[in-house]
């Protein structure tokens, strides 16, 4: 499964990752930066007085591969 991970700095300088499971495929760098800036500008996510997504710092696609070792079939 492919996911989009958006990296932000919080207002106090800590790292915060926002992971999206559903997104438009083949996004450009400019599209992602613009969307991340909109998230930061909205200032909707505040915890203990600190903006959680204060500054956009990174974005990447993450692909996870699963490989079954065995799967038991249900007993009828």
C-alpha atoms as a PDB file:
ATOM      1  CA  UNK A   1       0.000   0.000   0.000  1.00  0.00           C
ATOM      2  CA  UNK A   2       1.305   3.431  -0.951  1.00  0.00           C
ATOM      3  CA  UNK A   3       0.954   6.311   1.511  1.00  0.00           C
ATOM      4  CA  UNK A   4       1.868   9.977   1.454  1.00  0.00           C
ATOM      5  CA  UNK A   5       3.825  11.215   4.473  1.00  0.00           C
ATOM      6  CA  UNK A   6       3.928  14.942   5.100  1.00  0.00           C
ATOM      7  CA  UNK A   7       6.573  16.208   7.505  1.00  0.00           C
ATOM      8  CA  UNK A   8       6.026  19.362   9.525  1.00  0.00           C
ATOM      9  CA  UNK A   9       7.749  21.229  12.323  1.00  0.00           C
ATOM     10  CA  UNK A  10       5.552  22.134  15.249  1.00  0.00           C
ATOM     11  CA  UNK A  11       5.591  25.680  16.579  1.00  0.00           C
ATOM     12  CA  UNK A  12       8.076  24.597  19.256  1.00  0.00           C
ATOM     13  CA  UNK A  13      10.399  22.933  16.709  1.00  0.00           C
ATOM     14  CA  UNK A  14       9.430  19.275  17.122  1.00  0.00           C
ATOM     15  CA  UNK A  15       8.760  16.969  14.165  1.00  0.00           C
ATOM     16  CA  UNK A  16       5.200  15.917  13.300  1.00  0.00           C
ATOM     17  CA  UNK A  17       4.216  13.502  10.504  1.00  0.00           C
ATOM     18  CA  UNK A  18       0.811  13.549   8.823  1.00  0.00           C
ATOM     19  CA  UNK A  19       0.184  10.302   6.906  1.00  0.00           C
ATOM     20  CA  UNK A  20      -2.467  10.165   4.190  1.00  0.00           C
ATOM     21  CA  UNK A  21      -3.863   6.902   2.834  1.00  0.00           C
ATOM     22  CA  UNK A  22      -5.971   8.491   0.102  1.00  0.00           C
ATOM     23  CA  UNK A  23      -4.440  11.056  -2.236  1.00  0.00           C
ATOM     24  CA  UNK A  24      -4.155  11.979  -5.893  1.00  0.00           C
ATOM     25  CA  UNK A  25      -1.451   9.906  -7.616  1.00  0.00           C
ATOM     26  CA  UNK A  26       1.636  11.541  -9.152  1.00  0.00           C
ATOM     27  CA  UNK A  27       1.546  14.813  -7.242  1.00  0.00           C
ATOM     28  CA  UNK A  28       4.165  17.397  -8.139  1.00  0.00           C
ATOM     29  CA  UNK A  29       6.448  19.001  -5.604  1.00  0.00           C
ATOM     30  CA  UNK A  30       4.731  22.359  -6.104  1.00  0.00           C
ATOM     31  CA  UNK A  31       1.260  20.848  -5.561  1.00  0.00           C
ATOM     32  CA  UNK A  32       2.343  19.186  -2.329  1.00  0.00           C
ATOM     33  CA  UNK A  33       4.136  22.285  -1.032  1.00  0.00           C
ATOM     34  CA  UNK A  34       1.075  24.431  -1.752  1.00  0.00           C
ATOM     35  CA  UNK A  35      -1.258  21.973   0.016  1.00  0.00           C
ATOM     36  CA  UNK A  36       1.075  21.707   3.005  1.00  0.00           C
ATOM     37  CA  UNK A  37       1.315  25.488   3.238  1.00  0.00           C
ATOM     38  CA  UNK A  38      -2.498  25.643   3.263  1.00  0.00           C
ATOM     39  CA  UNK A  39      -2.537  23.193   6.179  1.00  0.00           C
ATOM     40  CA  UNK A  40       0.019  25.293   8.060  1.00  0.00           C
ATOM     41  CA  UNK A  41      -1.783  28.564   7.294  1.00  0.00           C
ATOM     42  CA  UNK A  42      -5.130  27.196   8.505  1.00  0.00           C
ATOM     43  CA  UNK A  43      -3.769  26.807  12.061  1.00  0.00           C
ATOM     44  CA  UNK A  44      -6.503  24.267  12.791  1.00  0.00           C
ATOM     45  CA  UNK A  45      -4.363  21.827  14.743  1.00  0.00           C
ATOM     46  CA  UNK A  46      -3.312  23.276  18.087  1.00  0.00           C
ATOM     47  CA  UNK A  47      -2.317  21.293  21.153  1.00  0.00           C
ATOM     48  CA  UNK A  48      -1.443  22.934  24.461  1.00  0.00           C
ATOM     49  CA  UNK A  49      -1.158  26.297  22.690  1.00  0.00           C
ATOM     50  CA  UNK A  50       1.306  25.024  20.054  1.00  0.00           C
ATOM     51  CA  UNK A  51       0.546  24.738  16.326  1.00  0.00           C
ATOM     52  CA  UNK A  52       1.065  21.087  15.392  1.00  0.00           C
ATOM     53  CA  UNK A  53       1.629  21.674  11.648  1.00  0.00           C
ATOM     54  CA  UNK A  54       3.432  25.014  11.782  1.00  0.00           C
ATOM     55  CA  UNK A  55       5.983  24.652   8.955  1.00  0.00           C
ATOM     56  CA  UNK A  56       6.155  22.232   6.017  1.00  0.00           C
ATOM     57  CA  UNK A  57       9.561  20.509   5.834  1.00  0.00           C
ATOM     58  CA  UNK A  58       9.219  17.300   3.782  1.00  0.00           C
ATOM     59  CA  UNK A  59       6.946  15.005   1.810  1.00  0.00           C
ATOM     60  CA  UNK A  60       7.443  11.467   0.556  1.00  0.00           C
ATOM     61  CA  UNK A  61       5.629   8.451  -0.762  1.00  0.00           C
ATOM     62  CA  UNK A  62       6.008   5.361   1.417  1.00  0.00           C
ATOM     63  CA  UNK A  63       5.272   1.918   0.015  1.00  0.00           C
ATOM     64  CA  UNK A  64       4.789  -1.054   2.297  1.00  0.00           C
ATOM     65  CA  UNK A  65       5.016  -4.584   0.970  1.00  0.00           C
ATOM     66  CA  UNK A  66       3.435  -7.505   2.777  1.00  0.00           C
ATOM     67  CA  UNK A  67       4.309 -11.130   2.117  1.00  0.00           C
ATOM     68  CA  UNK A  68       2.247 -13.941   3.626  1.00  0.00           C
ATOM     69  CA  UNK A  69       4.198 -16.724   5.287  1.00  0.00           C
ATOM     70  CA  UNK A  70       1.077 -18.805   5.788  1.00  0.00           C
ATOM     71  CA  UNK A  71      -2.657 -18.272   6.031  1.00  0.00           C
ATOM     72  CA  UNK A  72      -4.896 -20.777   7.724  1.00  0.00           C
ATOM     73  CA  UNK A  73      -8.236 -21.259   6.049  1.00  0.00           C
ATOM     74  CA  UNK A  74     -11.286 -20.897   8.288  1.00  0.00           C
ATOM     75  CA  UNK A  75     -12.634 -24.125   9.722  1.00  0.00           C
ATOM     76  CA  UNK A  76     -16.245 -24.738   8.621  1.00  0.00           C
END
